[in-house]
N, C-alpha and C. Protein backbone atom coordinates (compact mmCIF):
# COMPACT_ATOMS: atom_id res chain seq x y z
N MET A 1 14.03 2.04 -8.42
CA MET A 1 13.21 1.50 -7.63
C MET A 1 13.65 1.43 -6.08
N LEU A 2 12.49 1.97 -5.51
CA LEU A 2 12.79 1.88 -3.80
C LEU A 2 12.01 0.55 -3.27
N LYS A 3 12.72 0.16 -2.15
CA LYS A 3 11.90 -1.25 -1.80
C LYS A 3 11.94 -0.95 -0.48
N SER A 4 10.72 -1.71 0.18
CA SER A 4 11.04 -1.98 1.72
C SER A 4 10.38 -2.88 1.88
N ILE A 5 10.54 -3.51 3.25
CA ILE A 5 9.99 -4.96 3.97
C ILE A 5 9.52 -4.56 5.28
N TYR A 6 8.22 -4.50 5.79
CA TYR A 6 7.68 -4.11 6.75
C TYR A 6 6.83 -5.62 7.53
N LYS A 7 6.96 -5.80 8.72
CA LYS A 7 6.22 -6.49 9.70
C LYS A 7 5.67 -5.86 10.85
N PRO A 8 4.21 -5.24 10.78
CA PRO A 8 3.81 -4.74 12.11
C PRO A 8 3.82 -5.77 13.14
N ASP A 9 3.32 -5.19 14.38
CA ASP A 9 3.25 -6.13 15.44
C ASP A 9 2.20 -6.97 15.47
N GLY A 10 2.10 -8.24 15.48
CA GLY A 10 0.86 -8.98 15.27
C GLY A 10 0.34 -9.06 13.70
N GLY A 11 1.03 -8.32 12.91
CA GLY A 11 0.21 -8.58 11.66
C GLY A 11 1.30 -9.43 10.70
N LYS A 12 1.16 -8.84 9.07
CA LYS A 12 1.85 -9.81 8.30
C LYS A 12 2.98 -9.02 7.52
N LEU A 13 3.74 -9.61 6.97
CA LEU A 13 4.56 -8.98 6.15
C LEU A 13 4.41 -8.33 4.90
N VAL A 14 4.78 -7.00 4.64
CA VAL A 14 4.19 -6.23 3.34
C VAL A 14 5.79 -5.94 2.94
N ARG A 15 5.82 -6.28 1.45
CA ARG A 15 6.86 -5.58 0.76
C ARG A 15 6.66 -4.80 -0.43
N ILE A 16 7.31 -3.64 -0.57
CA ILE A 16 6.91 -2.47 -1.09
C ILE A 16 8.15 -2.34 -2.26
N GLU A 17 7.57 -2.33 -3.75
CA GLU A 17 8.55 -1.44 -4.55
C GLU A 17 7.83 -0.46 -5.03
N VAL A 18 8.35 0.71 -5.11
CA VAL A 18 7.92 2.00 -5.66
C VAL A 18 8.89 2.90 -6.27
N ASP A 19 8.35 3.12 -7.32
CA ASP A 19 9.15 4.40 -8.36
C ASP A 19 8.39 5.85 -8.24
N LEU A 20 9.42 6.57 -7.91
CA LEU A 20 9.01 8.02 -7.69
C LEU A 20 9.25 9.07 -9.18
N LEU A 21 8.27 9.99 -8.98
CA LEU A 21 8.46 11.00 -10.00
C LEU A 21 7.87 12.38 -9.37
N ASP A 22 8.89 13.16 -9.07
CA ASP A 22 8.49 14.47 -8.63
C ASP A 22 8.09 14.21 -7.30
N ASN A 23 8.53 13.50 -6.60
CA ASN A 23 8.05 13.13 -5.12
C ASN A 23 6.54 12.55 -4.95
N SER A 24 5.91 12.07 -6.14
CA SER A 24 4.69 11.16 -6.12
C SER A 24 5.00 9.77 -6.60
N ILE A 25 3.74 8.91 -6.45
CA ILE A 25 4.15 7.73 -6.73
C ILE A 25 3.63 7.59 -8.37
N ASN A 26 4.89 6.79 -8.93
CA ASN A 26 4.86 6.80 -10.46
C ASN A 26 4.58 5.26 -10.80
N GLN A 27 4.80 4.59 -9.99
CA GLN A 27 4.61 3.09 -10.09
C GLN A 27 4.86 2.29 -8.68
N ILE A 28 4.01 1.43 -8.43
CA ILE A 28 4.04 0.63 -7.15
C ILE A 28 3.70 -0.88 -7.13
N LYS A 29 4.22 -1.55 -6.52
CA LYS A 29 3.93 -3.05 -6.47
C LYS A 29 4.07 -3.31 -5.15
N ILE A 30 2.89 -4.13 -4.64
CA ILE A 30 2.48 -4.49 -3.13
C ILE A 30 2.46 -5.77 -3.31
N CYS A 31 3.20 -6.63 -2.13
CA CYS A 31 3.06 -7.95 -2.07
C CYS A 31 3.43 -8.09 -0.36
N GLY A 32 3.13 -9.57 -0.24
CA GLY A 32 3.55 -10.21 1.24
C GLY A 32 2.96 -11.45 1.57
N ASP A 33 2.78 -11.31 2.88
CA ASP A 33 2.34 -12.79 3.38
C ASP A 33 0.74 -12.27 3.91
N PHE A 34 0.33 -11.13 3.68
CA PHE A 34 -1.20 -10.93 4.05
C PHE A 34 -1.93 -11.33 2.83
N PHE A 35 -3.47 -11.21 3.03
CA PHE A 35 -4.65 -11.76 2.42
C PHE A 35 -5.31 -10.51 2.02
N LEU A 36 -6.01 -10.64 0.86
CA LEU A 36 -6.93 -9.74 0.70
C LEU A 36 -7.90 -10.33 -0.31
N HIS A 37 -9.39 -9.87 -0.10
CA HIS A 37 -10.41 -10.32 -0.40
C HIS A 37 -11.10 -9.29 -1.23
N PRO A 38 -11.63 -9.07 -2.68
CA PRO A 38 -11.07 -10.12 -3.43
C PRO A 38 -9.59 -10.06 -3.85
N GLU A 39 -8.94 -10.82 -4.32
CA GLU A 39 -7.55 -10.84 -4.78
C GLU A 39 -7.09 -9.97 -5.44
N ASP A 40 -8.25 -9.46 -6.47
CA ASP A 40 -7.53 -8.19 -7.52
C ASP A 40 -7.79 -6.86 -6.78
N GLY A 41 -8.22 -6.88 -5.91
CA GLY A 41 -8.14 -5.74 -4.96
C GLY A 41 -7.01 -5.30 -4.69
N LEU A 42 -5.90 -5.78 -4.80
CA LEU A 42 -4.47 -5.22 -4.70
C LEU A 42 -4.10 -4.14 -6.04
N GLU A 43 -4.35 -4.97 -6.99
CA GLU A 43 -4.14 -3.88 -7.91
C GLU A 43 -5.01 -2.66 -8.31
N MET A 44 -6.35 -2.55 -7.60
CA MET A 44 -7.14 -1.42 -7.54
C MET A 44 -6.40 -0.38 -6.48
N ILE A 45 -5.63 -1.08 -5.31
CA ILE A 45 -5.00 -0.25 -4.33
C ILE A 45 -3.76 0.15 -5.03
N GLU A 46 -3.08 -0.32 -5.86
CA GLU A 46 -2.07 -0.02 -6.53
C GLU A 46 -2.33 1.02 -7.90
N ALA A 47 -3.49 1.00 -8.34
CA ALA A 47 -3.39 1.88 -9.42
C ALA A 47 -4.14 3.43 -8.53
N ASN A 48 -4.75 3.26 -7.65
CA ASN A 48 -5.35 4.28 -6.90
C ASN A 48 -4.21 5.14 -6.15
N LEU A 49 -3.16 4.49 -6.26
CA LEU A 49 -1.77 4.98 -5.52
C LEU A 49 -1.14 5.90 -6.44
N VAL A 50 -1.16 5.52 -7.26
CA VAL A 50 -0.35 6.08 -8.94
C VAL A 50 -1.06 7.50 -8.82
N GLY A 51 0.15 8.66 -8.72
CA GLY A 51 -0.04 10.10 -8.58
C GLY A 51 0.00 10.64 -6.97
N ILE A 52 -0.42 9.82 -6.27
CA ILE A 52 -0.15 10.43 -4.95
C ILE A 52 0.88 10.75 -4.42
N ARG A 53 0.73 12.25 -3.71
CA ARG A 53 2.46 12.28 -3.03
C ARG A 53 2.92 11.51 -2.41
N MET A 54 3.81 11.21 -1.92
CA MET A 54 4.76 10.64 -1.03
C MET A 54 4.80 11.09 0.77
N MET A 55 3.53 11.12 1.06
CA MET A 55 2.88 11.47 2.34
C MET A 55 2.09 10.51 2.68
N GLU A 56 2.60 10.18 4.35
CA GLU A 56 1.89 8.88 4.66
C GLU A 56 0.20 9.05 4.91
N ARG A 57 -0.07 9.95 5.18
CA ARG A 57 -1.37 10.62 5.50
C ARG A 57 -2.33 10.34 4.07
N ASP A 58 -1.68 10.97 2.99
CA ASP A 58 -2.31 10.97 1.63
C ASP A 58 -2.44 9.53 1.19
N ILE A 59 -1.33 8.83 1.58
CA ILE A 59 -1.09 7.63 0.97
C ILE A 59 -2.11 6.26 1.91
N ARG A 60 -2.50 6.90 3.29
CA ARG A 60 -3.04 5.71 4.03
C ARG A 60 -4.61 6.09 3.79
N MET A 61 -5.25 7.26 3.49
CA MET A 61 -6.22 7.89 3.12
C MET A 61 -6.69 7.16 1.65
N SER A 62 -5.92 7.42 0.75
CA SER A 62 -6.02 6.66 -0.66
C SER A 62 -6.56 5.11 -0.85
N ILE A 63 -5.61 4.43 0.30
CA ILE A 63 -5.71 2.82 0.48
C ILE A 63 -7.13 2.61 1.33
N LYS A 64 -7.32 3.39 2.25
CA LYS A 64 -8.62 3.30 3.05
C LYS A 64 -9.79 3.40 1.99
N GLN A 65 -9.69 4.32 1.43
CA GLN A 65 -10.84 4.75 0.49
C GLN A 65 -11.24 3.81 -0.58
N THR A 66 -10.08 3.20 -0.93
CA THR A 66 -10.16 2.22 -2.19
C THR A 66 -10.67 0.72 -1.31
N VAL A 67 -10.38 0.40 -0.18
CA VAL A 67 -10.91 -0.67 0.84
C VAL A 67 -12.11 -0.63 0.80
N GLU A 68 -12.84 0.70 1.45
CA GLU A 68 -13.90 0.98 1.56
C GLU A 68 -15.01 1.07 0.28
N THR A 69 -14.55 1.91 -0.97
CA THR A 69 -15.55 2.25 -1.96
C THR A 69 -15.56 0.37 -2.77
N LYS A 70 -14.33 -0.15 -2.61
CA LYS A 70 -14.56 -1.28 -3.52
C LYS A 70 -15.11 -2.67 -2.99
N ARG A 71 -15.11 -2.38 -1.08
CA ARG A 71 -15.44 -3.48 -0.18
C ARG A 71 -14.38 -4.42 -0.39
N LEU A 72 -13.27 -4.32 -0.18
CA LEU A 72 -12.30 -5.07 -0.12
C LEU A 72 -11.90 -5.54 1.53
N THR A 73 -11.63 -6.80 1.72
CA THR A 73 -11.31 -7.18 2.94
C THR A 73 -9.74 -7.64 2.92
N LEU A 74 -9.19 -6.76 3.93
CA LEU A 74 -7.60 -7.28 4.59
C LEU A 74 -7.67 -8.02 5.41
N PHE A 75 -6.93 -9.06 5.53
CA PHE A 75 -6.36 -9.83 6.53
C PHE A 75 -5.13 -9.48 6.90
N GLY A 76 -4.76 -9.52 8.16
CA GLY A 76 -3.22 -9.32 8.56
C GLY A 76 -2.79 -8.24 8.45
N ILE A 77 -3.07 -7.37 7.91
CA ILE A 77 -2.75 -6.02 7.68
C ILE A 77 -3.67 -4.86 7.65
N THR A 78 -3.35 -3.70 7.80
CA THR A 78 -4.38 -2.78 7.65
C THR A 78 -3.87 -1.24 6.49
N PRO A 79 -4.69 -0.53 6.00
CA PRO A 79 -4.42 0.48 5.61
C PRO A 79 -2.96 1.17 6.11
N LYS A 80 -3.30 1.38 7.39
CA LYS A 80 -1.92 2.38 7.75
C LYS A 80 -0.61 1.41 7.97
N ASP A 81 -0.71 0.00 7.98
CA ASP A 81 0.44 -0.55 8.06
C ASP A 81 1.19 -0.39 6.58
N ILE A 82 0.15 -0.56 5.17
CA ILE A 82 0.67 -0.52 4.03
C ILE A 82 1.34 0.90 3.74
N ALA A 83 0.36 1.86 4.49
CA ALA A 83 1.15 3.36 4.02
C ALA A 83 2.47 3.41 4.77
N LYS A 84 2.69 2.88 5.92
CA LYS A 84 3.97 3.11 6.60
C LYS A 84 5.16 2.14 5.97
N ALA A 85 4.90 1.22 5.18
CA ALA A 85 5.69 0.44 4.41
C ALA A 85 5.91 1.30 3.41
N VAL A 86 4.97 1.60 2.54
CA VAL A 86 5.35 2.68 1.43
C VAL A 86 6.57 3.64 1.65
N MET A 87 6.25 4.51 3.13
CA MET A 87 6.97 5.61 3.62
C MET A 87 8.40 4.85 3.68
N MET A 88 8.65 3.72 4.28
CA MET A 88 9.84 2.99 4.57
C MET A 88 10.86 2.84 3.42
N ALA A 89 10.13 3.04 2.50
CA ALA A 89 10.91 2.70 1.00
C ALA A 89 11.65 3.90 0.59
N ARG A 90 11.28 5.14 1.12
CA ARG A 90 11.71 6.26 0.93
C ARG A 90 13.21 6.48 1.42
């Protein structure tokens, strides 16, 4: 299990635990000091990241798409920040 902690300038802390299989996300846990509404949206983001290759652009696009299609609201963090934190775990 790979781990990272990232705090963007002016943003909230995000913690990542990720397990890879053939350079793709096999399992991921995202947590931190940020807020997300509705709260179960985080599980949706994590579920949609499974199978995504460890490429920051692909991870960011998956998160952004989930946020938009599920009408999630992020407070203190952006899809780009989460994607960067995932890549830092590598």
